[in-house]
Protein backbone atom coordinates (compact mmCIF):
# COMPACT_ATOMS: atom_id res chain seq x y z
CA UNK A 1 34.75 200.53 -125.39
CA UNK A 2 33.22 200.88 -121.95
CA UNK A 3 30.71 203.47 -123.12
CA UNK A 4 29.81 201.34 -126.12
CA UNK A 5 29.20 198.30 -123.91
CA UNK A 6 27.02 200.35 -121.55
CA UNK A 7 24.92 201.44 -124.50
CA UNK A 8 24.59 197.90 -125.85
CA UNK A 9 24.18 196.14 -122.50
CA UNK A 10 20.34 196.57 -122.25
CA UNK A 11 19.91 195.16 -125.77
CA UNK A 12 22.22 192.24 -124.96
CA UNK A 13 20.21 191.45 -121.84
CA UNK A 14 16.85 191.33 -123.63
CA UNK A 15 18.14 189.46 -126.71
CA UNK A 16 17.76 185.88 -125.29
CA UNK A 17 14.21 186.52 -124.07
CA UNK A 18 13.31 188.20 -127.34
CA UNK A 19 14.64 185.28 -129.38
CA UNK A 20 12.75 182.76 -127.22
CA UNK A 21 9.58 184.85 -127.51
CA UNK A 22 9.88 185.11 -131.29
CA UNK A 23 10.92 181.49 -131.86
CA UNK A 24 8.42 179.72 -129.58
CA UNK A 25 5.42 182.07 -129.62
CA UNK A 26 5.33 184.59 -132.47
CA UNK A 27 6.70 182.35 -135.24
CA UNK A 28 4.35 179.37 -134.50
CA UNK A 29 1.33 181.69 -134.39
CA UNK A 30 2.37 183.27 -137.68
CA UNK A 31 2.72 179.83 -139.26
CA UNK A 32 -0.72 178.80 -137.98
CA UNK A 33 -2.11 182.02 -139.43
CA UNK A 34 -0.49 181.32 -142.82
CA UNK A 35 -1.76 177.71 -142.94
CA UNK A 36 -5.27 178.89 -142.05
CA UNK A 37 -5.49 180.49 -145.51
CA UNK A 38 -4.28 177.43 -147.43
CA UNK A 39 -6.59 175.35 -149.58
CA UNK A 40 -7.68 171.87 -148.53
CA UNK A 41 -9.31 169.49 -151.03
CA UNK A 42 -10.24 166.71 -148.63
CA UNK A 43 -6.96 164.78 -148.65
CA UNK A 44 -4.16 167.33 -149.15
CA UNK A 45 -3.49 171.02 -148.59
CA UNK A 46 -2.05 173.53 -151.04
CA UNK A 47 -0.36 176.88 -150.28
CA UNK A 48 -2.82 179.57 -151.38
CA UNK A 49 -4.94 182.41 -150.05
CA UNK A 50 -8.55 181.47 -149.42
CA UNK A 51 -11.12 182.44 -146.83
CA UNK A 52 -12.97 179.14 -147.25
CA UNK A 53 -11.57 177.76 -143.98
CA UNK A 54 -12.92 180.74 -142.02
CA UNK A 55 -16.22 180.50 -143.88
CA UNK A 56 -16.32 176.83 -142.88
CA UNK A 57 -16.31 177.89 -139.22
CA UNK A 58 -19.57 179.79 -139.68
CA UNK A 59 -21.83 176.79 -139.18
CA UNK A 60 -24.43 175.99 -136.56
CA UNK A 61 -22.34 173.08 -135.27
CA UNK A 62 -19.23 175.22 -134.74
CA UNK A 63 -21.30 178.02 -133.21
CA UNK A 64 -22.86 175.59 -130.71
CA UNK A 65 -19.39 174.22 -129.96
CA UNK A 66 -18.16 177.72 -129.10
CA UNK A 67 -21.22 178.29 -126.92
CA UNK A 68 -20.54 175.00 -125.12
CA UNK A 69 -16.94 176.09 -124.54
CA UNK A 70 -18.15 179.40 -123.08
CA UNK A 71 -20.53 177.44 -120.86
CA UNK A 72 -17.64 175.33 -119.55
CA UNK A 73 -15.58 178.48 -119.03
CA UNK A 74 -18.29 180.27 -117.06
CA UNK A 75 -19.06 177.29 -114.84
CA UNK A 76 -15.39 176.44 -114.17
CA UNK A 77 -14.53 180.09 -113.47
CA UNK A 78 -17.43 180.46 -111.02
CA UNK A 79 -16.70 177.17 -109.25
CA UNK A 80 -12.96 177.82 -108.91
CA UNK A 81 -13.66 181.33 -107.58
CA UNK A 82 -16.28 180.18 -105.06
CA UNK A 83 -14.02 177.39 -103.80
CA UNK A 84 -10.64 179.05 -104.25
CA UNK A 85 -11.37 182.39 -102.61
CA UNK A 86 -12.46 180.97 -99.20
CA UNK A 87 -9.44 178.64 -99.21
CA UNK A 88 -7.04 181.53 -99.93
CA UNK A 89 -8.84 183.75 -97.41
CA UNK A 90 -8.55 181.11 -94.70
CA UNK A 91 -4.84 180.63 -95.36
CA UNK A 92 -4.13 184.37 -95.38
CA UNK A 93 -6.26 185.57 -92.44
CA UNK A 94 -6.98 182.62 -90.19
CA UNK A 95 -3.63 180.83 -90.11
CA UNK A 96 -1.53 182.82 -87.63
CA UNK A 97 2.07 182.04 -88.61
CA UNK A 98 3.75 182.55 -91.98
CA UNK A 99 5.40 179.13 -91.79
CA UNK A 100 2.03 177.41 -91.40
CA UNK A 101 0.54 179.51 -94.18
CA UNK A 102 3.28 178.41 -96.59
CA UNK A 103 3.09 174.80 -95.41
CA UNK A 104 -0.70 174.60 -95.83
CA UNK A 105 -0.46 176.26 -99.24
CA UNK A 106 2.07 173.61 -100.29
CA UNK A 107 -0.34 170.95 -99.01
CA UNK A 108 -2.94 172.39 -101.42
CA UNK A 109 -0.50 171.84 -104.29
CA UNK A 110 0.22 168.15 -103.51
CA UNK A 111 -2.55 166.76 -105.78
CA UNK A 112 -1.02 168.75 -108.64
CA UNK A 113 2.28 166.90 -108.42
CA UNK A 114 0.74 164.06 -110.42
CA UNK A 115 -0.19 163.87 -114.09
CA UNK A 116 -3.42 165.48 -115.24
CA UNK A 117 -4.48 162.25 -116.96
CA UNK A 118 -3.94 160.21 -113.79
CA UNK A 119 -6.07 162.66 -111.83
CA UNK A 120 -8.79 162.44 -114.47
CA UNK A 121 -8.78 158.64 -114.49
CA UNK A 122 -9.04 158.63 -110.70
CA UNK A 123 -12.59 159.99 -111.02
CA UNK A 124 -13.81 156.97 -113.05
CA UNK A 125 -14.09 154.48 -110.14
CA UNK A 126 -15.78 157.18 -108.07
CA UNK A 127 -18.33 158.53 -110.55
CA UNK A 128 -18.99 155.56 -112.83
CA UNK A 129 -22.31 153.72 -113.01
CA UNK A 130 -20.93 151.11 -110.61
CA UNK A 131 -18.74 153.67 -108.84
CA UNK A 132 -18.43 154.40 -105.16
CA UNK A 133 -20.75 157.43 -105.20
CA UNK A 134 -23.63 155.58 -106.85
CA UNK A 135 -23.08 152.53 -104.65
CA UNK A 136 -23.11 154.69 -101.51
CA UNK A 137 -26.32 156.57 -102.43
CA UNK A 138 -28.05 153.33 -103.44
CA UNK A 139 -26.83 151.67 -100.27
CA UNK A 140 -28.42 154.32 -98.01
CA UNK A 141 -31.60 154.34 -100.11
CA UNK A 142 -31.34 157.89 -101.51
CA UNK A 143 -31.59 156.67 -105.11
CA UNK A 144 -33.00 153.51 -106.69
CA UNK A 145 -30.94 153.61 -109.91
CA UNK A 146 -27.41 154.79 -110.65
CA UNK A 147 -27.06 158.46 -111.56
CA UNK A 148 -25.92 158.60 -115.18
CA UNK A 149 -24.87 162.26 -115.21
CA UNK A 150 -21.93 161.80 -112.84
CA UNK A 151 -19.57 160.53 -115.55
CA UNK A 152 -19.26 161.10 -119.30
CA UNK A 153 -21.32 164.28 -119.16
CA UNK A 154 -20.91 168.06 -119.04
CA UNK A 155 -21.05 167.82 -115.24
CA UNK A 156 -18.07 165.47 -115.26
CA UNK A 157 -16.14 167.78 -117.62
CA UNK A 158 -16.69 170.80 -115.36
CA UNK A 159 -15.80 168.76 -112.27
CA UNK A 160 -12.59 167.56 -113.92
CA UNK A 161 -11.56 171.07 -114.99
CA UNK A 162 -12.26 172.49 -111.52
CA UNK A 163 -10.13 169.73 -110.05
CA UNK A 164 -7.32 170.44 -112.50
CA UNK A 165 -7.24 174.22 -112.44
CA UNK A 166 -8.41 175.41 -109.04
CA UNK A 167 -4.84 175.93 -107.84
CA UNK A 168 -4.44 178.56 -110.58
CA UNK A 169 -7.19 180.56 -108.88
CA UNK A 170 -6.07 179.94 -105.29
CA UNK A 171 -2.42 180.95 -105.78
CA UNK A 172 -2.88 184.52 -107.15
CA UNK A 173 -5.72 185.30 -104.72
CA UNK A 174 -3.61 184.02 -101.81
CA UNK A 175 -0.74 186.21 -103.01
CA UNK A 176 -3.02 189.29 -103.17
CA UNK A 177 -4.47 188.64 -99.73
CA UNK A 178 -1.00 188.24 -98.22
CA UNK A 179 -0.01 191.66 -99.59
CA UNK A 180 -2.86 193.47 -97.83
CA UNK A 181 -1.60 195.61 -94.96
CA UNK A 182 -3.19 194.23 -91.80
CA UNK A 183 -3.21 197.76 -90.37
CA UNK A 184 -5.91 198.67 -92.92
CA UNK A 185 -8.13 195.90 -91.57
CA UNK A 186 -7.43 196.96 -87.99
CA UNK A 187 -8.18 200.61 -88.82
CA UNK A 188 -11.50 199.68 -90.43
CA UNK A 189 -12.44 197.59 -87.38
CA UNK A 190 -11.46 200.44 -85.03
CA UNK A 191 -13.76 202.76 -86.98
CA UNK A 192 -16.65 200.43 -86.25
CA UNK A 193 -16.86 198.49 -89.51
CA UNK A 194 -18.45 195.06 -89.25
CA UNK A 195 -16.70 191.96 -90.55
CA UNK A 196 -18.81 192.02 -93.70
CA UNK A 197 -18.05 195.72 -94.28
CA UNK A 198 -14.31 195.14 -93.81
CA UNK A 199 -14.44 192.36 -96.38
CA UNK A 200 -16.59 194.34 -98.82
CA UNK A 201 -14.80 197.70 -98.56
CA UNK A 202 -11.18 196.69 -97.86
CA UNK A 203 -10.29 193.06 -98.52
CA UNK A 204 -12.31 192.35 -101.66
CA UNK A 205 -11.18 195.47 -103.61
CA UNK A 206 -7.53 194.91 -102.67
CA UNK A 207 -7.70 191.23 -103.68
CA UNK A 208 -9.39 192.00 -107.01
CA UNK A 209 -6.08 191.92 -108.97
CA UNK A 210 -5.51 188.36 -107.71
CA UNK A 211 -8.99 187.40 -108.90
CA UNK A 212 -8.19 188.94 -112.28
CA UNK A 213 -4.93 187.00 -112.63
CA UNK A 214 -6.63 183.77 -111.59
CA UNK A 215 -9.42 184.46 -114.08
CA UNK A 216 -6.88 184.95 -116.88
CA UNK A 217 -5.31 181.58 -116.02
CA UNK A 218 -8.72 179.89 -116.05
CA UNK A 219 -9.69 181.51 -119.36
CA UNK A 220 -6.50 180.49 -121.16
CA UNK A 221 -6.56 176.93 -119.79
CA UNK A 222 -10.25 176.17 -120.29
CA UNK A 223 -10.62 177.71 -123.76
CA UNK A 224 -8.02 175.33 -125.21
CA UNK A 225 -9.00 172.23 -123.22
CA UNK A 226 -9.55 168.97 -125.05
CA UNK A 227 -8.05 166.17 -122.90
CA UNK A 228 -10.50 166.62 -120.02
CA UNK A 229 -13.39 167.01 -122.46
CA UNK A 230 -12.39 163.74 -124.11
CA UNK A 231 -11.80 161.70 -120.94
CA UNK A 232 -14.59 163.03 -118.73
CA UNK A 233 -17.07 163.77 -121.52
CA UNK A 234 -16.78 160.30 -123.05
CA UNK A 235 -17.56 161.68 -126.50
CA UNK A 236 -20.81 163.25 -125.22
CA UNK A 237 -19.38 166.77 -124.76
CA UNK A 238 -17.84 169.19 -127.23
CA UNK A 239 -15.41 172.10 -127.02
CA UNK A 240 -13.41 174.13 -129.48
CA UNK A 241 -10.18 172.49 -128.35
CA UNK A 242 -11.70 169.06 -128.93
CA UNK A 243 -12.96 170.21 -132.34
CA UNK A 244 -9.46 171.37 -133.35
CA UNK A 245 -7.94 168.10 -132.10
CA UNK A 246 -10.46 166.12 -134.17
CA UNK A 247 -9.73 168.21 -137.28
CA UNK A 248 -5.98 167.66 -136.84
CA UNK A 249 -6.60 163.93 -136.42
CA UNK A 250 -8.40 163.89 -139.78
CA UNK A 251 -5.55 165.91 -141.37
CA UNK A 252 -7.70 169.03 -141.94
CA UNK A 253 -4.84 171.30 -140.94
CA UNK A 254 -6.05 174.52 -142.65
CA UNK A 255 -9.50 174.28 -141.03
CA UNK A 256 -7.92 173.46 -137.65
CA UNK A 257 -5.56 176.44 -138.07
CA UNK A 258 -8.48 178.76 -138.85
CA UNK A 259 -10.30 177.53 -135.76
CA UNK A 260 -7.13 178.03 -133.69
CA UNK A 261 -6.78 181.62 -134.90
CA UNK A 262 -10.42 182.39 -134.08
CA UNK A 263 -10.05 180.71 -130.68
CA UNK A 264 -6.90 182.74 -129.98
CA UNK A 265 -8.67 185.97 -130.96
CA UNK A 266 -11.67 185.19 -128.72
CA UNK A 267 -9.40 184.28 -125.80
CA UNK A 268 -7.37 187.48 -126.21
CA UNK A 269 -10.59 189.49 -126.37
CA UNK A 270 -11.74 188.02 -123.03
CA UNK A 271 -8.34 188.68 -121.42
CA UNK A 272 -8.25 192.28 -122.66
CA UNK A 273 -11.77 192.76 -121.27
CA UNK A 274 -10.60 191.51 -117.86
CA UNK A 275 -7.58 193.81 -117.94
CA UNK A 276 -9.79 196.76 -118.86
CA UNK A 277 -11.91 196.17 -115.77
CA UNK A 278 -9.18 195.31 -113.25
CA UNK A 279 -5.65 196.68 -112.96
CA UNK A 280 -3.18 193.88 -112.21
CA UNK A 281 0.00 195.96 -112.41
CA UNK A 282 0.29 196.10 -108.61
CA UNK A 283 0.65 192.32 -108.56
CA UNK A 284 3.45 192.25 -111.14
């Protein structure tokens, strides 16, 4: 009995996780894949096998929507990296005590304790036509008319996404920087390396897995975004997530499912590309 239990114990341990994985991830994706091949006649869908939904994606409008989503992804990724890396670097190398490092990192997370929608709405009184930013610039004479691009534009969408997701870039980079042996930095300095050389040859390569993990978070979050695009874009911006949400709202489930499958494939392709370039196993 004891030997039998030892043999079965590993399978018993992984059974709950496997069931959760199959029930909440694999099964829904399979169902979306099945529905993506169903027929839709404008007001109802019928179980069948047709490629018409995928052919319907191959339009100039959908192609431009994907390009716009990639544009958002590139801009948000770059902005979160340029802002997040210095913040993580400062916490890891310029805050002397571990307690203060943890405390300051927790301070960075405070804005994320509130709802995403509340944080999005908080930008409206700041960036609106009669908002504080326009009023301030007009008050000091820098502009004569309100700047229209601050709200309900692609700029506002990118700003909102950076605000929402920057912690997902800071956290893994901070974790990677904290794992770097300080003796390596000291050894490089003792050998005469300048500060820039130490960063380029030691710190940046060793923190690359953290950048990769943060990039994966940003890719998965931005590619499926539709709430920020809707609130901050004001109907003037488009993304694939917003397109799928609109198709679901008009009951075009097969077409929305086909778009979701294509979006999932594109997202997985980007993630695999990141993993091919950078090895994140040391961070796991």
